Amino acid sequence: MPFTTDTEEIQNRLAFTQSKGKTALLDGVYMAMNEMKKKARNPRKAILIISDGGDNNSRYTESEVRNAVREADVQIYGIGIFESMGGRGRTPEETMGPSLLNELAELTGGRSYSVENVNELADIAAKIGIELRNQYMLYYTPKNQTRDGKYRHVVVKLVQPKGLPPLKAFFRLGYYAPAQ
């Protein structure tokens, strides 16, 4: 759905959307990132994917989307609605769905949630909203100043404060150095 401030329209689209068997999830992610790049006005950008994570109809490959996601200035959050393993026969795409959603989210510093019961959707969406409003941005200057366009891995370590529950950092796993 295009950018909108009309939450009722978003809810209507979600409520009346029906699955039809063909899923171009990777194409959808690629298209969403391009929309964000061209039209998003806010400095922080997030994409929410509600899916079983299965892809059986995309033109873009996983590696192409993985590389595009690494370059994009966007966080991806996934809400995975997966059928139980004991349910009907799952296709290979559906079986790989959870790991695909997790990987896309992890690469961007986002998170992926699994839903067992669709009644949990509202609570998970609220968690994501709270998380997006309660994030810190960290900036640093890398020691390696070489402008070679290569991918650089990032590691963030937390010092656990005494008396608080364990904290976990979610962050982009890396970035591409400038080429010039």
N, C-alpha and C. Protein backbone atom coordinates (compact mmCIF):
# COMPACT_ATOMS: atom_id res chain seq x y z
N MET A 1 0.85 -1.16 0.00
CA MET A 1 0.00 0.00 0.00
C MET A 1 0.89 1.22 0.00
N PRO A 2 0.53 2.26 -0.74
CA PRO A 2 1.36 3.47 -0.76
C PRO A 2 1.37 4.17 0.60
N PHE A 3 2.25 5.15 0.76
CA PHE A 3 2.31 5.93 1.99
C PHE A 3 0.95 6.56 2.26
N THR A 4 0.55 6.52 3.52
CA THR A 4 -0.70 7.14 3.92
C THR A 4 -0.66 7.42 5.42
N THR A 5 -1.44 8.40 5.84
CA THR A 5 -1.62 8.64 7.27
C THR A 5 -2.97 8.12 7.72
N ASP A 6 -3.70 7.51 6.81
CA ASP A 6 -5.05 6.99 7.07
C ASP A 6 -4.95 5.57 7.63
N THR A 7 -4.89 5.45 8.95
CA THR A 7 -4.76 4.13 9.57
C THR A 7 -5.98 3.26 9.32
N GLU A 8 -7.13 3.88 9.17
CA GLU A 8 -8.34 3.10 8.88
C GLU A 8 -8.23 2.41 7.52
N GLU A 9 -7.66 3.10 6.55
CA GLU A 9 -7.47 2.50 5.22
C GLU A 9 -6.51 1.31 5.30
N ILE A 10 -5.46 1.46 6.09
CA ILE A 10 -4.51 0.36 6.27
C ILE A 10 -5.22 -0.84 6.89
N GLN A 11 -6.01 -0.58 7.93
CA GLN A 11 -6.75 -1.66 8.59
C GLN A 11 -7.73 -2.33 7.64
N ASN A 12 -8.42 -1.54 6.83
CA ASN A 12 -9.36 -2.12 5.85
C ASN A 12 -8.64 -2.99 4.84
N ARG A 13 -7.50 -2.51 4.34
CA ARG A 13 -6.74 -3.30 3.36
C ARG A 13 -6.29 -4.62 3.96
N LEU A 14 -5.82 -4.56 5.22
CA LEU A 14 -5.37 -5.79 5.87
C LEU A 14 -6.54 -6.74 6.12
N ALA A 15 -7.66 -6.19 6.57
CA ALA A 15 -8.82 -7.02 6.90
C ALA A 15 -9.41 -7.73 5.68
N PHE A 16 -9.36 -7.08 4.53
CA PHE A 16 -10.01 -7.63 3.35
C PHE A 16 -9.05 -8.25 2.33
N THR A 17 -7.79 -8.39 2.71
CA THR A 17 -6.82 -9.02 1.82
C THR A 17 -6.97 -10.53 1.93
N GLN A 18 -6.98 -11.18 0.78
CA GLN A 18 -7.08 -12.64 0.77
C GLN A 18 -5.86 -13.23 0.08
N SER A 19 -5.35 -14.29 0.64
CA SER A 19 -4.21 -14.95 0.01
C SER A 19 -4.70 -15.77 -1.17
N LYS A 20 -3.83 -15.83 -2.19
CA LYS A 20 -4.22 -16.54 -3.41
C LYS A 20 -3.17 -17.54 -3.86
N GLY A 21 -2.17 -17.79 -3.01
CA GLY A 21 -1.21 -18.84 -3.33
C GLY A 21 0.11 -18.39 -3.89
N LYS A 22 0.15 -17.32 -4.65
CA LYS A 22 1.41 -16.83 -5.22
C LYS A 22 1.91 -15.67 -4.37
N THR A 23 3.16 -15.73 -3.94
CA THR A 23 3.72 -14.69 -3.09
C THR A 23 5.05 -14.21 -3.67
N ALA A 24 5.13 -12.93 -3.95
CA ALA A 24 6.37 -12.31 -4.42
C ALA A 24 6.93 -11.45 -3.29
N LEU A 25 7.24 -12.10 -2.18
CA LEU A 25 7.70 -11.39 -0.99
C LEU A 25 8.97 -10.59 -1.25
N LEU A 26 9.95 -11.21 -1.89
CA LEU A 26 11.21 -10.52 -2.15
C LEU A 26 11.00 -9.30 -3.05
N ASP A 27 10.14 -9.44 -4.06
CA ASP A 27 9.82 -8.28 -4.91
C ASP A 27 9.16 -7.18 -4.09
N GLY A 28 8.27 -7.57 -3.17
CA GLY A 28 7.59 -6.60 -2.32
C GLY A 28 8.57 -5.84 -1.43
N VAL A 29 9.53 -6.55 -0.86
CA VAL A 29 10.55 -5.91 -0.02
C VAL A 29 11.38 -4.94 -0.86
N TYR A 30 11.78 -5.38 -2.03
CA TYR A 30 12.58 -4.53 -2.92
C TYR A 30 11.80 -3.26 -3.31
N MET A 31 10.53 -3.44 -3.66
CA MET A 31 9.70 -2.31 -4.04
C MET A 31 9.49 -1.36 -2.85
N ALA A 32 9.28 -1.90 -1.66
CA ALA A 32 9.09 -1.06 -0.48
C ALA A 32 10.34 -0.24 -0.19
N MET A 33 11.51 -0.85 -0.33
CA MET A 33 12.75 -0.10 -0.09
C MET A 33 12.91 1.03 -1.10
N ASN A 34 12.57 0.78 -2.37
CA ASN A 34 12.65 1.84 -3.38
C ASN A 34 11.67 2.96 -3.08
N GLU A 35 10.46 2.62 -2.66
CA GLU A 35 9.47 3.65 -2.27
C GLU A 35 10.02 4.50 -1.13
N MET A 36 10.62 3.84 -0.15
CA MET A 36 11.19 4.56 0.99
C MET A 36 12.29 5.52 0.53
N LYS A 37 13.14 5.02 -0.34
CA LYS A 37 14.26 5.83 -0.81
C LYS A 37 13.77 7.08 -1.53
N LYS A 38 12.71 6.95 -2.33
CA LYS A 38 12.21 8.05 -3.15
C LYS A 38 11.27 8.99 -2.39
N LYS A 39 10.39 8.43 -1.55
CA LYS A 39 9.28 9.23 -1.04
C LYS A 39 9.24 9.44 0.47
N ALA A 40 9.99 8.67 1.24
CA ALA A 40 9.92 8.80 2.69
C ALA A 40 10.55 10.12 3.14
N ARG A 41 9.85 10.82 4.01
CA ARG A 41 10.35 12.11 4.47
C ARG A 41 10.96 12.04 5.87
N ASN A 42 10.60 11.04 6.64
CA ASN A 42 11.14 10.93 7.99
C ASN A 42 12.55 10.36 7.95
N PRO A 43 13.41 10.81 8.87
CA PRO A 43 14.79 10.31 8.85
C PRO A 43 14.88 8.83 9.20
N ARG A 44 13.98 8.34 10.06
CA ARG A 44 13.98 6.92 10.41
C ARG A 44 12.90 6.22 9.61
N LYS A 45 13.27 5.09 9.03
CA LYS A 45 12.36 4.37 8.14
C LYS A 45 12.25 2.91 8.59
N ALA A 46 11.02 2.39 8.51
CA ALA A 46 10.79 0.99 8.87
C ALA A 46 9.78 0.38 7.91
N ILE A 47 9.98 -0.87 7.61
CA ILE A 47 9.05 -1.65 6.79
C ILE A 47 8.51 -2.76 7.67
N LEU A 48 7.21 -2.94 7.65
CA LEU A 48 6.56 -4.03 8.39
C LEU A 48 6.08 -5.06 7.39
N ILE A 49 6.54 -6.29 7.56
CA ILE A 49 6.14 -7.40 6.68
C ILE A 49 5.25 -8.32 7.52
N ILE A 50 4.05 -8.55 7.04
CA ILE A 50 3.16 -9.54 7.66
C ILE A 50 3.00 -10.64 6.63
N SER A 51 3.57 -11.81 6.94
CA SER A 51 3.65 -12.86 5.92
C SER A 51 3.97 -14.20 6.55
N ASP A 52 3.84 -15.26 5.75
CA ASP A 52 4.35 -16.56 6.18
C ASP A 52 5.82 -16.68 5.79
N GLY A 53 6.35 -15.65 5.13
CA GLY A 53 7.76 -15.64 4.76
C GLY A 53 8.08 -16.45 3.52
N GLY A 54 7.11 -17.17 3.01
CA GLY A 54 7.35 -17.98 1.82
C GLY A 54 7.33 -17.11 0.57
N ASP A 55 8.20 -17.39 -0.36
CA ASP A 55 8.25 -16.67 -1.62
C ASP A 55 8.30 -17.68 -2.75
N ASN A 56 7.32 -17.60 -3.65
CA ASN A 56 7.30 -18.54 -4.77
C ASN A 56 7.01 -17.85 -6.10
N ASN A 57 7.19 -16.51 -6.13
CA ASN A 57 6.81 -15.81 -7.35
C ASN A 57 7.63 -14.54 -7.61
N SER A 58 8.79 -14.39 -6.99
CA SER A 58 9.57 -13.17 -7.15
C SER A 58 10.53 -13.24 -8.32
N ARG A 59 10.77 -12.08 -8.91
CA ARG A 59 11.80 -11.95 -9.95
C ARG A 59 13.17 -11.76 -9.31
N TYR A 60 13.18 -11.04 -8.18
CA TYR A 60 14.45 -10.82 -7.48
C TYR A 60 14.82 -12.06 -6.69
N THR A 61 16.10 -12.32 -6.60
CA THR A 61 16.58 -13.47 -5.83
C THR A 61 16.83 -13.06 -4.39
N GLU A 62 16.98 -14.05 -3.52
CA GLU A 62 17.28 -13.76 -2.11
C GLU A 62 18.59 -12.98 -1.99
N SER A 63 19.60 -13.36 -2.75
CA SER A 63 20.89 -12.66 -2.64
C SER A 63 20.79 -11.22 -3.12
N GLU A 64 20.02 -10.96 -4.18
CA GLU A 64 19.84 -9.57 -4.64
C GLU A 64 19.14 -8.74 -3.58
N VAL A 65 18.11 -9.28 -2.97
CA VAL A 65 17.38 -8.53 -1.94
C VAL A 65 18.22 -8.40 -0.68
N ARG A 66 18.95 -9.45 -0.33
CA ARG A 66 19.83 -9.38 0.83
C ARG A 66 20.84 -8.24 0.66
N ASN A 67 21.44 -8.12 -0.52
CA ASN A 67 22.40 -7.04 -0.78
C ASN A 67 21.73 -5.68 -0.75
N ALA A 68 20.54 -5.57 -1.32
CA ALA A 68 19.81 -4.30 -1.31
C ALA A 68 19.44 -3.90 0.11
N VAL A 69 19.05 -4.86 0.92
CA VAL A 69 18.67 -4.59 2.31
C VAL A 69 19.89 -4.09 3.09
N ARG A 70 21.05 -4.67 2.82
CA ARG A 70 22.27 -4.22 3.51
C ARG A 70 22.57 -2.76 3.20
N GLU A 71 22.27 -2.33 1.98
CA GLU A 71 22.56 -0.96 1.57
C GLU A 71 21.49 0.03 2.00
N ALA A 72 20.28 -0.44 2.23
CA ALA A 72 19.15 0.45 2.51
C ALA A 72 19.24 1.02 3.92
N ASP A 73 18.74 2.23 4.05
CA ASP A 73 18.68 2.89 5.35
C ASP A 73 17.27 2.68 5.91
N VAL A 74 16.95 1.41 6.20
CA VAL A 74 15.60 1.07 6.63
C VAL A 74 15.67 -0.13 7.57
N GLN A 75 14.80 -0.14 8.57
CA GLN A 75 14.68 -1.30 9.44
C GLN A 75 13.51 -2.13 8.97
N ILE A 76 13.69 -3.44 8.99
CA ILE A 76 12.61 -4.34 8.59
C ILE A 76 12.13 -5.10 9.82
N TYR A 77 10.82 -5.08 10.02
CA TYR A 77 10.19 -5.85 11.08
C TYR A 77 9.28 -6.88 10.42
N GLY A 78 9.34 -8.09 10.89
CA GLY A 78 8.52 -9.15 10.33
C GLY A 78 7.55 -9.70 11.36
N ILE A 79 6.32 -9.89 10.94
CA ILE A 79 5.36 -10.63 11.74
C ILE A 79 5.04 -11.87 10.92
N GLY A 80 5.53 -12.99 11.39
CA GLY A 80 5.37 -14.24 10.66
C GLY A 80 4.16 -15.01 11.15
N ILE A 81 3.25 -15.27 10.23
CA ILE A 81 2.08 -16.07 10.54
C ILE A 81 2.32 -17.44 9.92
N PHE A 82 2.73 -18.36 10.75
CA PHE A 82 3.16 -19.66 10.26
C PHE A 82 2.18 -20.75 10.69
N GLU A 83 1.95 -21.70 9.79
CA GLU A 83 1.13 -22.86 10.15
C GLU A 83 1.98 -23.81 10.97
N SER A 84 1.35 -24.54 11.85
CA SER A 84 2.09 -25.48 12.69
C SER A 84 2.70 -26.57 11.81
N MET A 85 3.76 -27.14 12.30
CA MET A 85 4.46 -28.20 11.55
C MET A 85 3.55 -29.40 11.33
N GLY A 86 2.62 -29.63 12.25
CA GLY A 86 1.73 -30.77 12.14
C GLY A 86 0.55 -30.52 11.23
N GLY A 87 0.40 -29.28 10.75
CA GLY A 87 -0.72 -28.93 9.88
C GLY A 87 -0.54 -29.53 8.50
N ARG A 88 -1.23 -28.97 7.54
CA ARG A 88 -1.17 -29.47 6.17
C ARG A 88 0.27 -29.47 5.67
N GLY A 89 0.51 -30.14 4.58
CA GLY A 89 1.85 -30.20 4.02
C GLY A 89 2.35 -28.82 3.66
N ARG A 90 3.50 -28.45 4.18
CA ARG A 90 4.07 -27.14 3.91
C ARG A 90 4.99 -27.23 2.71
N THR A 91 4.95 -26.20 1.88
CA THR A 91 5.84 -26.14 0.73
C THR A 91 7.25 -25.80 1.22
N PRO A 92 8.27 -26.05 0.41
CA PRO A 92 9.63 -25.67 0.81
C PRO A 92 9.74 -24.17 1.10
N GLU A 93 9.01 -23.35 0.33
CA GLU A 93 9.05 -21.90 0.55
C GLU A 93 8.49 -21.55 1.92
N GLU A 94 7.38 -22.19 2.29
CA GLU A 94 6.77 -21.93 3.60
C GLU A 94 7.67 -22.42 4.73
N THR A 95 8.36 -23.52 4.50
CA THR A 95 9.27 -24.06 5.51
C THR A 95 10.43 -23.10 5.75
N MET A 96 10.90 -22.44 4.68
CA MET A 96 12.03 -21.51 4.80
C MET A 96 11.57 -20.11 5.22
N GLY A 97 10.27 -19.86 5.25
CA GLY A 97 9.73 -18.55 5.56
C GLY A 97 10.22 -17.93 6.84
N PRO A 98 10.17 -18.64 7.97
CA PRO A 98 10.64 -18.03 9.22
C PRO A 98 12.09 -17.57 9.16
N SER A 99 12.96 -18.37 8.56
CA SER A 99 14.38 -17.97 8.51
C SER A 99 14.58 -16.77 7.58
N LEU A 100 13.80 -16.68 6.49
CA LEU A 100 13.90 -15.54 5.59
C LEU A 100 13.48 -14.25 6.30
N LEU A 101 12.35 -14.28 6.99
CA LEU A 101 11.91 -13.08 7.73
C LEU A 101 12.92 -12.70 8.80
N ASN A 102 13.44 -13.68 9.53
CA ASN A 102 14.44 -13.40 10.56
C ASN A 102 15.68 -12.76 9.96
N GLU A 103 16.14 -13.30 8.85
CA GLU A 103 17.37 -12.79 8.24
C GLU A 103 17.20 -11.35 7.76
N LEU A 104 16.09 -11.05 7.08
CA LEU A 104 15.86 -9.69 6.60
C LEU A 104 15.79 -8.71 7.77
N ALA A 105 15.12 -9.11 8.84
CA ALA A 105 15.02 -8.24 10.01
C ALA A 105 16.38 -8.05 10.66
N GLU A 106 17.11 -9.13 10.84
CA GLU A 106 18.40 -9.06 11.51
C GLU A 106 19.40 -8.20 10.75
N LEU A 107 19.41 -8.31 9.43
CA LEU A 107 20.35 -7.52 8.63
C LEU A 107 20.15 -6.02 8.81
N THR A 108 18.93 -5.61 9.13
CA THR A 108 18.61 -4.18 9.20
C THR A 108 18.50 -3.65 10.62
N GLY A 109 18.70 -4.51 11.63
CA GLY A 109 18.55 -4.07 13.00
C GLY A 109 17.10 -4.13 13.48
N GLY A 110 16.23 -4.71 12.68
CA GLY A 110 14.84 -4.88 13.08
C GLY A 110 14.67 -6.20 13.82
N ARG A 111 13.43 -6.64 13.93
CA ARG A 111 13.14 -7.90 14.62
C ARG A 111 12.03 -8.63 13.90
N SER A 112 11.97 -9.91 14.17
CA SER A 112 10.93 -10.74 13.58
C SER A 112 10.18 -11.45 14.70
N TYR A 113 8.88 -11.47 14.60
CA TYR A 113 8.02 -12.10 15.60
C TYR A 113 7.20 -13.19 14.92
N SER A 114 7.00 -14.29 15.62
CA SER A 114 6.15 -15.37 15.12
C SER A 114 4.79 -15.28 15.80
N VAL A 115 3.76 -15.53 15.04
CA VAL A 115 2.39 -15.49 15.55
C VAL A 115 1.79 -16.89 15.47
N GLU A 116 1.34 -17.38 16.59
CA GLU A 116 0.66 -18.67 16.62
C GLU A 116 -0.84 -18.47 16.41
N ASN A 117 -1.35 -17.37 16.93
CA ASN A 117 -2.78 -17.08 16.91
C ASN A 117 -2.95 -15.66 16.36
N VAL A 118 -3.78 -15.46 15.34
CA VAL A 118 -3.92 -14.14 14.73
C VAL A 118 -4.43 -13.10 15.73
N ASN A 119 -5.00 -13.52 16.84
CA ASN A 119 -5.43 -12.57 17.86
C ASN A 119 -4.24 -11.88 18.53
N GLU A 120 -3.03 -12.41 18.35
CA GLU A 120 -1.82 -11.82 18.90
C GLU A 120 -1.30 -10.66 18.06
N LEU A 121 -1.82 -10.50 16.83
CA LEU A 121 -1.29 -9.49 15.90
C LEU A 121 -1.26 -8.09 16.50
N ALA A 122 -2.35 -7.68 17.13
CA ALA A 122 -2.42 -6.32 17.67
C ALA A 122 -1.36 -6.10 18.73
N ASP A 123 -1.15 -7.08 19.61
CA ASP A 123 -0.14 -6.94 20.66
C ASP A 123 1.27 -6.85 20.08
N ILE A 124 1.54 -7.66 19.07
CA ILE A 124 2.86 -7.64 18.45
C ILE A 124 3.09 -6.33 17.71
N ALA A 125 2.07 -5.85 17.01
CA ALA A 125 2.19 -4.56 16.32
C ALA A 125 2.45 -3.45 17.34
N ALA A 126 1.79 -3.51 18.49
CA ALA A 126 2.01 -2.51 19.54
C ALA A 126 3.45 -2.59 20.06
N LYS A 127 3.98 -3.81 20.25
CA LYS A 127 5.37 -3.97 20.69
C LYS A 127 6.33 -3.32 19.69
N ILE A 128 6.07 -3.55 18.41
CA ILE A 128 6.94 -2.97 17.38
C ILE A 128 6.87 -1.44 17.44
N GLY A 129 5.67 -0.91 17.58
CA GLY A 129 5.51 0.55 17.70
C GLY A 129 6.27 1.11 18.88
N ILE A 130 6.18 0.45 20.02
CA ILE A 130 6.91 0.90 21.23
C ILE A 130 8.41 0.83 20.98
N GLU A 131 8.85 -0.25 20.37
CA GLU A 131 10.28 -0.41 20.10
C GLU A 131 10.79 0.69 19.17
N LEU A 132 10.01 1.01 18.13
CA LEU A 132 10.44 2.05 17.19
C LEU A 132 10.52 3.42 17.86
N ARG A 133 9.68 3.66 18.85
CA ARG A 133 9.70 4.95 19.54
C ARG A 133 10.73 5.00 20.66
N ASN A 134 11.35 3.88 20.99
CA ASN A 134 12.29 3.84 22.12
C ASN A 134 13.63 3.27 21.70
N GLN A 135 14.18 3.81 20.63
CA GLN A 135 15.47 3.35 20.15
C GLN A 135 16.50 4.46 20.30
N TYR A 136 17.74 4.03 20.38
CA TYR A 136 18.86 4.97 20.39
C TYR A 136 19.59 4.84 19.07
N MET A 137 20.10 5.94 18.59
CA MET A 137 20.94 5.93 17.40
C MET A 137 22.38 6.12 17.85
N LEU A 138 23.23 5.23 17.43
CA LEU A 138 24.65 5.34 17.73
C LEU A 138 25.39 5.62 16.44
N TYR A 139 26.32 6.54 16.50
CA TYR A 139 27.15 6.85 15.35
C TYR A 139 28.61 6.67 15.77
N TYR A 140 29.43 6.32 14.82
CA TYR A 140 30.84 6.21 15.11
C TYR A 140 31.63 6.49 13.85
N THR A 141 32.91 6.74 14.03
CA THR A 141 33.81 6.92 12.91
C THR A 141 34.70 5.69 12.85
N PRO A 142 34.66 4.96 11.74
CA PRO A 142 35.46 3.72 11.67
C PRO A 142 36.95 4.03 11.61
N LYS A 143 37.73 3.11 12.16
CA LYS A 143 39.18 3.23 12.08
C LYS A 143 39.66 3.03 10.65
N ASN A 144 38.99 2.12 9.94
CA ASN A 144 39.34 1.84 8.56
C ASN A 144 38.68 2.89 7.67
N GLN A 145 39.45 3.85 7.18
CA GLN A 145 38.93 4.95 6.36
C GLN A 145 39.02 4.67 4.86
N THR A 146 39.43 3.45 4.49
CA THR A 146 39.58 3.10 3.08
C THR A 146 38.23 3.17 2.37
N ARG A 147 38.20 3.90 1.26
CA ARG A 147 36.97 4.07 0.48
C ARG A 147 36.97 3.04 -0.65
N ASP A 148 36.67 1.80 -0.27
CA ASP A 148 36.76 0.70 -1.23
C ASP A 148 35.40 0.08 -1.58
N GLY A 149 34.31 0.57 -1.01
CA GLY A 149 32.98 0.07 -1.31
C GLY A 149 32.70 -1.32 -0.75
N LYS A 150 33.57 -1.81 0.11
CA LYS A 150 33.38 -3.15 0.68
C LYS A 150 32.44 -3.13 1.88
N TYR A 151 31.85 -4.30 2.15
CA TYR A 151 30.95 -4.44 3.28
C TYR A 151 31.76 -4.57 4.56
N ARG A 152 31.39 -3.80 5.57
CA ARG A 152 32.08 -3.82 6.86
C ARG A 152 31.12 -4.30 7.94
N HIS A 153 31.54 -5.26 8.71
CA HIS A 153 30.72 -5.80 9.80
C HIS A 153 30.80 -4.88 11.01
N VAL A 154 29.72 -4.81 11.76
CA VAL A 154 29.65 -4.00 12.97
C VAL A 154 29.28 -4.91 14.13
N VAL A 155 29.91 -4.67 15.28
CA VAL A 155 29.58 -5.40 16.49
C VAL A 155 29.26 -4.37 17.58
N VAL A 156 28.15 -4.56 18.25
CA VAL A 156 27.77 -3.70 19.37
C VAL A 156 27.71 -4.57 20.61
N LYS A 157 28.41 -4.16 21.67
CA LYS A 157 28.41 -4.91 22.93
C LYS A 157 27.78 -4.04 24.01
N LEU A 158 26.98 -4.67 24.84
CA LEU A 158 26.34 -3.97 25.94
C LEU A 158 26.99 -4.34 27.26
N VAL A 159 27.09 -3.35 28.13
CA VAL A 159 27.49 -3.62 29.50
C VAL A 159 26.19 -3.69 30.28
N GLN A 160 25.89 -4.84 30.86
CA GLN A 160 24.62 -5.03 31.55
C GLN A 160 24.61 -4.23 32.86
N PRO A 161 23.64 -3.32 33.01
CA PRO A 161 23.54 -2.57 34.27
C PRO A 161 23.06 -3.47 35.40
N LYS A 162 23.60 -3.24 36.58
CA LYS A 162 23.19 -4.04 37.74
C LYS A 162 21.76 -3.70 38.13
N GLY A 163 21.01 -4.71 38.50
CA GLY A 163 19.66 -4.50 38.99
C GLY A 163 18.59 -4.42 37.90
N LEU A 164 18.98 -4.50 36.64
CA LEU A 164 18.01 -4.48 35.55
C LEU A 164 17.97 -5.84 34.87
N PRO A 165 16.84 -6.14 34.23
CA PRO A 165 16.81 -7.41 33.49
C PRO A 165 17.81 -7.36 32.33
N PRO A 166 18.18 -8.52 31.82
CA PRO A 166 19.17 -8.55 30.72
C PRO A 166 18.69 -7.73 29.52
N LEU A 167 19.62 -6.98 28.96
CA LEU A 167 19.33 -6.17 27.78
C LEU A 167 19.91 -6.86 26.55
N LYS A 168 19.30 -6.62 25.40
CA LYS A 168 19.79 -7.17 24.14
C LYS A 168 19.81 -6.06 23.11
N ALA A 169 20.90 -5.93 22.42
CA ALA A 169 21.02 -4.89 21.39
C ALA A 169 20.59 -5.46 20.04
N PHE A 170 19.81 -4.69 19.31
CA PHE A 170 19.44 -5.01 17.94
C PHE A 170 20.04 -3.91 17.08
N PHE A 171 20.81 -4.30 16.09
CA PHE A 171 21.54 -3.32 15.30
C PHE A 171 21.82 -3.87 13.91
N ARG A 172 22.10 -2.94 12.98
CA ARG A 172 22.52 -3.35 11.64
C ARG A 172 23.79 -4.15 11.78
N LEU A 173 23.92 -5.20 11.03
CA LEU A 173 25.09 -6.05 11.14
C LEU A 173 26.29 -5.49 10.39
N GLY A 174 26.09 -4.44 9.61
CA GLY A 174 27.19 -3.85 8.89
C GLY A 174 26.74 -2.78 7.93
N TYR A 175 27.65 -2.31 7.10
CA TYR A 175 27.38 -1.25 6.13
C TYR A 175 28.40 -1.36 5.01
N TYR A 176 28.10 -0.72 3.91
CA TYR A 176 29.05 -0.63 2.79
C TYR A 176 29.84 0.66 2.93
N ALA A 177 31.15 0.55 2.85
CA ALA A 177 32.01 1.73 2.89
C ALA A 177 31.80 2.52 1.60
N PRO A 178 32.00 3.83 1.65
CA PRO A 178 31.90 4.61 0.41
C PRO A 178 32.92 4.10 -0.61
N ALA A 179 32.56 4.18 -1.88
CA ALA A 179 33.44 3.70 -2.94
C ALA A 179 34.39 4.79 -3.41
N GLN A 180 34.04 6.05 -3.18
CA GLN A 180 34.88 7.15 -3.68
C GLN A 180 35.18 8.13 -2.59
